[in-house]
Amino acid sequence: MIKKAIFTFATLAIAVASAASSYRLMVFEPSVLNGTELKPGEYKIEVKDNTAVITRGKQVIEAPVKIESAPSKFSSTSVRYTNGNGKQSVDEIRLGGTNTKLVFNSTVSMAR
């Protein structure tokens, strides 16, 4: 009985860990992520393993991401940018209601 309970718990933990999380993201100004322009508007962002999948209508952008934990939860979802060559590049996204931040491969985040 105990072995069955441990197996069930382990199976549940694996299922939860591998499930993709989905969040709503508002972009207020034109910006660039992984070489693709994001126009202002509402997007859906899902995190699958170490990849962020951002969708709006038929537009789908996949970008490698480093997932980090902050010491406390973020009150709202926010985007941090770097300005390079006159364009706003997405550096990180802080997911509201969680302590998760998604750090993208820009020159700033690579230097950290």
N, C-alpha and C. Protein backbone atom coordinates (compact mmCIF):
# COMPACT_ATOMS: atom_id res chain seq x y z
N MET A 1 0.82 -1.20 0.00
CA MET A 1 0.00 0.00 0.00
C MET A 1 0.86 1.26 0.00
N ILE A 2 1.92 1.26 0.80
CA ILE A 2 2.80 2.42 0.87
C ILE A 2 3.51 2.63 -0.46
N LYS A 3 3.97 1.53 -1.09
CA LYS A 3 4.64 1.64 -2.38
C LYS A 3 3.71 2.25 -3.42
N LYS A 4 2.43 1.84 -3.38
CA LYS A 4 1.46 2.38 -4.34
C LYS A 4 1.26 3.88 -4.11
N ALA A 5 1.19 4.32 -2.86
CA ALA A 5 1.01 5.73 -2.54
C ALA A 5 2.21 6.55 -3.00
N ILE A 6 3.41 6.03 -2.80
CA ILE A 6 4.62 6.74 -3.24
C ILE A 6 4.65 6.84 -4.75
N PHE A 7 4.31 5.76 -5.45
CA PHE A 7 4.28 5.76 -6.91
C PHE A 7 3.25 6.77 -7.42
N THR A 8 2.08 6.80 -6.81
CA THR A 8 1.04 7.74 -7.23
C THR A 8 1.49 9.17 -7.02
N PHE A 9 2.10 9.45 -5.87
CA PHE A 9 2.60 10.79 -5.59
C PHE A 9 3.68 11.18 -6.59
N ALA A 10 4.61 10.28 -6.88
CA ALA A 10 5.69 10.57 -7.84
C ALA A 10 5.12 10.83 -9.23
N THR A 11 4.14 10.05 -9.63
CA THR A 11 3.51 10.24 -10.93
C THR A 11 2.82 11.60 -11.01
N LEU A 12 2.12 11.97 -9.95
CA LEU A 12 1.44 13.27 -9.90
C LEU A 12 2.46 14.40 -9.96
N ALA A 13 3.56 14.28 -9.24
CA ALA A 13 4.59 15.33 -9.24
C ALA A 13 5.19 15.50 -10.63
N ILE A 14 5.43 14.40 -11.33
CA ILE A 14 5.97 14.48 -12.68
C ILE A 14 4.97 15.14 -13.62
N ALA A 15 3.71 14.80 -13.50
CA ALA A 15 2.67 15.38 -14.36
C ALA A 15 2.56 16.89 -14.14
N VAL A 16 2.61 17.31 -12.88
CA VAL A 16 2.52 18.74 -12.57
C VAL A 16 3.75 19.46 -13.08
N ALA A 17 4.94 18.88 -12.89
CA ALA A 17 6.18 19.53 -13.31
C ALA A 17 6.26 19.67 -14.82
N SER A 18 5.69 18.73 -15.56
CA SER A 18 5.80 18.80 -17.01
C SER A 18 4.67 19.59 -17.67
N ALA A 19 3.65 19.96 -16.90
CA ALA A 19 2.52 20.70 -17.47
C ALA A 19 2.96 22.12 -17.83
N ALA A 20 2.49 22.59 -18.94
CA ALA A 20 2.82 23.95 -19.37
C ALA A 20 1.96 24.95 -18.60
N SER A 21 2.58 26.05 -18.20
CA SER A 21 1.86 27.11 -17.52
C SER A 21 1.52 28.18 -18.54
N SER A 22 0.33 28.76 -18.42
CA SER A 22 -0.12 29.76 -19.38
C SER A 22 -0.44 31.06 -18.65
N TYR A 23 -0.01 32.18 -19.23
CA TYR A 23 -0.22 33.50 -18.64
C TYR A 23 -0.62 34.49 -19.72
N ARG A 24 -1.25 35.57 -19.31
CA ARG A 24 -1.64 36.65 -20.21
C ARG A 24 -0.57 37.73 -20.14
N LEU A 25 -0.21 38.28 -21.29
CA LEU A 25 0.85 39.27 -21.37
C LEU A 25 0.37 40.45 -22.22
N MET A 26 0.45 41.65 -21.69
CA MET A 26 0.13 42.87 -22.44
C MET A 26 1.42 43.55 -22.84
N VAL A 27 1.56 43.85 -24.13
CA VAL A 27 2.70 44.57 -24.65
C VAL A 27 2.19 45.96 -25.03
N PHE A 28 2.82 47.01 -24.49
CA PHE A 28 2.33 48.37 -24.69
C PHE A 28 3.10 49.15 -25.74
N GLU A 29 4.25 48.65 -26.15
CA GLU A 29 5.03 49.33 -27.17
C GLU A 29 5.70 48.30 -28.07
N PRO A 30 5.99 48.68 -29.32
CA PRO A 30 6.67 47.72 -30.20
C PRO A 30 7.97 47.26 -29.57
N SER A 31 8.22 45.97 -29.62
CA SER A 31 9.43 45.41 -29.04
C SER A 31 9.86 44.19 -29.81
N VAL A 32 11.04 43.67 -29.48
CA VAL A 32 11.60 42.54 -30.19
C VAL A 32 11.90 41.42 -29.21
N LEU A 33 11.54 40.20 -29.60
CA LEU A 33 11.85 39.01 -28.81
C LEU A 33 12.35 37.94 -29.76
N ASN A 34 13.56 37.48 -29.52
CA ASN A 34 14.16 36.42 -30.32
C ASN A 34 14.15 36.76 -31.82
N GLY A 35 14.40 38.05 -32.13
CA GLY A 35 14.46 38.49 -33.51
C GLY A 35 13.12 38.77 -34.16
N THR A 36 12.02 38.59 -33.44
CA THR A 36 10.68 38.80 -33.98
C THR A 36 10.03 40.00 -33.30
N GLU A 37 9.38 40.85 -34.10
CA GLU A 37 8.72 42.03 -33.52
C GLU A 37 7.41 41.66 -32.87
N LEU A 38 7.23 42.18 -31.67
CA LEU A 38 5.94 42.09 -30.97
C LEU A 38 5.27 43.44 -31.10
N LYS A 39 4.09 43.47 -31.67
CA LYS A 39 3.33 44.70 -31.77
C LYS A 39 2.52 44.87 -30.49
N PRO A 40 2.15 46.10 -30.15
CA PRO A 40 1.34 46.30 -28.95
C PRO A 40 0.06 45.47 -29.01
N GLY A 41 -0.30 44.89 -27.86
CA GLY A 41 -1.52 44.10 -27.77
C GLY A 41 -1.38 43.00 -26.74
N GLU A 42 -2.40 42.16 -26.69
CA GLU A 42 -2.45 41.08 -25.71
C GLU A 42 -1.92 39.78 -26.32
N TYR A 43 -1.07 39.11 -25.56
CA TYR A 43 -0.47 37.85 -25.97
C TYR A 43 -0.71 36.80 -24.89
N LYS A 44 -0.59 35.56 -25.30
CA LYS A 44 -0.62 34.44 -24.36
C LYS A 44 0.79 33.89 -24.30
N ILE A 45 1.29 33.66 -23.10
CA ILE A 45 2.63 33.11 -22.96
C ILE A 45 2.55 31.79 -22.19
N GLU A 46 3.16 30.77 -22.75
CA GLU A 46 3.24 29.46 -22.12
C GLU A 46 4.70 29.12 -21.91
N VAL A 47 4.98 28.48 -20.81
CA VAL A 47 6.34 28.05 -20.52
C VAL A 47 6.37 26.53 -20.61
N LYS A 48 7.19 26.02 -21.54
CA LYS A 48 7.33 24.58 -21.73
C LYS A 48 8.81 24.27 -21.62
N ASP A 49 9.17 23.57 -20.55
CA ASP A 49 10.57 23.28 -20.26
C ASP A 49 11.35 24.60 -20.22
N ASN A 50 12.34 24.77 -21.06
CA ASN A 50 13.13 26.01 -21.08
C ASN A 50 12.82 26.84 -22.31
N THR A 51 11.55 26.80 -22.74
CA THR A 51 11.11 27.56 -23.90
C THR A 51 9.85 28.34 -23.56
N ALA A 52 9.85 29.61 -23.94
CA ALA A 52 8.64 30.43 -23.81
C ALA A 52 7.98 30.46 -25.18
N VAL A 53 6.68 30.16 -25.21
CA VAL A 53 5.92 30.19 -26.46
C VAL A 53 4.91 31.32 -26.31
N ILE A 54 5.06 32.34 -27.14
CA ILE A 54 4.20 33.52 -27.07
C ILE A 54 3.33 33.55 -28.32
N THR A 55 2.01 33.64 -28.12
CA THR A 55 1.10 33.60 -29.25
C THR A 55 0.14 34.79 -29.21
N ARG A 56 -0.23 35.22 -30.40
CA ARG A 56 -1.27 36.23 -30.60
C ARG A 56 -1.87 35.94 -31.96
N GLY A 57 -3.08 35.43 -31.97
CA GLY A 57 -3.69 35.03 -33.23
C GLY A 57 -2.87 33.92 -33.85
N LYS A 58 -2.43 34.13 -35.10
CA LYS A 58 -1.62 33.13 -35.79
C LYS A 58 -0.13 33.30 -35.55
N GLN A 59 0.26 34.41 -34.93
CA GLN A 59 1.68 34.66 -34.67
C GLN A 59 2.14 33.81 -33.49
N VAL A 60 3.20 33.03 -33.69
CA VAL A 60 3.78 32.20 -32.63
C VAL A 60 5.28 32.47 -32.58
N ILE A 61 5.76 32.82 -31.40
CA ILE A 61 7.18 33.08 -31.20
C ILE A 61 7.67 32.14 -30.12
N GLU A 62 8.73 31.40 -30.41
CA GLU A 62 9.35 30.54 -29.42
C GLU A 62 10.73 31.11 -29.11
N ALA A 63 11.06 31.16 -27.82
CA ALA A 63 12.35 31.71 -27.42
C ALA A 63 12.89 30.92 -26.24
N PRO A 64 14.20 30.62 -26.27
CA PRO A 64 14.79 29.96 -25.11
C PRO A 64 14.72 30.90 -23.92
N VAL A 65 14.50 30.34 -22.75
CA VAL A 65 14.32 31.17 -21.57
C VAL A 65 14.97 30.49 -20.36
N LYS A 66 15.50 31.32 -19.48
CA LYS A 66 16.01 30.84 -18.21
C LYS A 66 14.97 31.21 -17.17
N ILE A 67 14.51 30.23 -16.41
CA ILE A 67 13.47 30.46 -15.41
C ILE A 67 14.15 30.69 -14.06
N GLU A 68 13.84 31.84 -13.45
CA GLU A 68 14.41 32.19 -12.16
C GLU A 68 13.29 32.45 -11.16
N SER A 69 13.61 32.29 -9.88
CA SER A 69 12.65 32.56 -8.81
C SER A 69 13.07 33.80 -8.04
N ALA A 70 12.12 34.66 -7.78
CA ALA A 70 12.34 35.86 -6.97
C ALA A 70 11.98 35.54 -5.52
N PRO A 71 12.45 36.33 -4.57
CA PRO A 71 12.14 36.05 -3.17
C PRO A 71 10.66 36.24 -2.80
N SER A 72 9.93 37.03 -3.59
CA SER A 72 8.50 37.22 -3.30
C SER A 72 7.72 37.26 -4.61
N LYS A 73 6.39 37.13 -4.49
CA LYS A 73 5.52 37.12 -5.67
C LYS A 73 5.43 38.50 -6.31
N PHE A 74 5.27 38.51 -7.63
CA PHE A 74 5.05 39.76 -8.36
C PHE A 74 3.55 40.06 -8.35
N SER A 75 3.19 41.32 -8.13
CA SER A 75 1.77 41.68 -8.05
C SER A 75 1.10 41.66 -9.41
N SER A 76 1.85 41.93 -10.48
CA SER A 76 1.29 41.90 -11.82
C SER A 76 2.37 41.46 -12.81
N THR A 77 1.93 41.05 -13.98
CA THR A 77 2.88 40.65 -15.02
C THR A 77 3.49 41.90 -15.62
N SER A 78 4.81 41.92 -15.73
CA SER A 78 5.50 43.07 -16.30
C SER A 78 6.64 42.62 -17.19
N VAL A 79 7.01 43.50 -18.11
CA VAL A 79 8.08 43.22 -19.06
C VAL A 79 9.21 44.21 -18.81
N ARG A 80 10.44 43.70 -18.75
CA ARG A 80 11.62 44.56 -18.63
C ARG A 80 12.34 44.52 -19.97
N TYR A 81 12.77 45.70 -20.41
CA TYR A 81 13.38 45.84 -21.73
C TYR A 81 14.82 46.30 -21.63
N THR A 82 15.56 46.06 -22.70
CA THR A 82 16.83 46.73 -22.93
C THR A 82 16.67 47.47 -24.25
N ASN A 83 17.39 48.57 -24.39
CA ASN A 83 17.29 49.37 -25.60
C ASN A 83 18.59 49.23 -26.37
N GLY A 84 18.52 48.57 -27.51
CA GLY A 84 19.71 48.40 -28.33
C GLY A 84 19.39 48.72 -29.77
N ASN A 85 20.22 49.50 -30.40
CA ASN A 85 20.03 49.89 -31.80
C ASN A 85 18.69 50.56 -32.04
N GLY A 86 18.20 51.30 -31.03
CA GLY A 86 16.94 52.01 -31.17
C GLY A 86 15.70 51.14 -31.05
N LYS A 87 15.87 49.87 -30.68
CA LYS A 87 14.73 48.97 -30.52
C LYS A 87 14.66 48.46 -29.10
N GLN A 88 13.44 48.31 -28.61
CA GLN A 88 13.22 47.74 -27.28
C GLN A 88 13.25 46.22 -27.40
N SER A 89 14.18 45.58 -26.71
CA SER A 89 14.25 44.12 -26.71
C SER A 89 13.78 43.59 -25.36
N VAL A 90 12.97 42.55 -25.39
CA VAL A 90 12.48 41.96 -24.15
C VAL A 90 13.64 41.28 -23.45
N ASP A 91 13.92 41.71 -22.22
CA ASP A 91 15.00 41.14 -21.42
C ASP A 91 14.44 40.10 -20.46
N GLU A 92 13.32 40.44 -19.81
CA GLU A 92 12.68 39.49 -18.90
C GLU A 92 11.21 39.79 -18.74
N ILE A 93 10.47 38.76 -18.37
CA ILE A 93 9.05 38.89 -18.07
C ILE A 93 8.84 38.37 -16.66
N ARG A 94 8.22 39.19 -15.83
CA ARG A 94 7.91 38.81 -14.44
C ARG A 94 6.43 38.45 -14.40
N LEU A 95 6.15 37.21 -14.04
CA LEU A 95 4.78 36.69 -14.11
C LEU A 95 4.00 37.01 -12.84
N GLY A 96 2.94 37.82 -13.00
CA GLY A 96 2.10 38.24 -11.88
C GLY A 96 1.47 37.08 -11.16
N GLY A 97 1.41 37.17 -9.82
CA GLY A 97 0.82 36.12 -9.00
C GLY A 97 1.78 34.97 -8.71
N THR A 98 3.00 35.07 -9.24
CA THR A 98 4.02 34.05 -9.00
C THR A 98 5.32 34.75 -8.59
N ASN A 99 6.29 33.96 -8.21
CA ASN A 99 7.62 34.52 -7.97
C ASN A 99 8.57 34.14 -9.12
N THR A 100 7.98 33.85 -10.29
CA THR A 100 8.73 33.40 -11.45
C THR A 100 9.06 34.55 -12.39
N LYS A 101 10.31 34.59 -12.82
CA LYS A 101 10.67 35.54 -13.86
C LYS A 101 11.38 34.77 -14.97
N LEU A 102 11.05 35.15 -16.19
CA LEU A 102 11.59 34.52 -17.38
C LEU A 102 12.66 35.44 -17.95
N VAL A 103 13.89 34.96 -18.01
CA VAL A 103 15.01 35.76 -18.49
C VAL A 103 15.39 35.26 -19.87
N PHE A 104 15.38 36.17 -20.84
CA PHE A 104 15.65 35.83 -22.24
C PHE A 104 17.10 36.09 -22.59
N ASN A 105 17.55 35.51 -23.68
CA ASN A 105 18.95 35.60 -24.10
C ASN A 105 19.28 36.88 -24.84
N SER A 106 19.24 38.00 -24.12
CA SER A 106 19.73 39.25 -24.71
C SER A 106 21.16 39.46 -24.22
N THR A 107 21.83 40.44 -24.75
CA THR A 107 23.21 40.67 -24.33
C THR A 107 23.29 41.05 -22.87
N VAL A 108 22.27 41.73 -22.34
CA VAL A 108 22.27 42.10 -20.93
C VAL A 108 22.11 40.88 -20.05
N SER A 109 21.15 40.00 -20.37
CA SER A 109 20.92 38.84 -19.52
C SER A 109 22.07 37.85 -19.61
N MET A 110 22.77 37.82 -20.74
CA MET A 110 23.91 36.92 -20.87
C MET A 110 25.08 37.40 -20.04
N ALA A 111 25.15 38.69 -19.77
CA ALA A 111 26.25 39.25 -19.00
C ALA A 111 26.05 39.08 -17.50
N ARG A 112 24.88 38.68 -17.07
CA ARG A 112 24.60 38.53 -15.64
C ARG A 112 25.34 37.37 -15.05
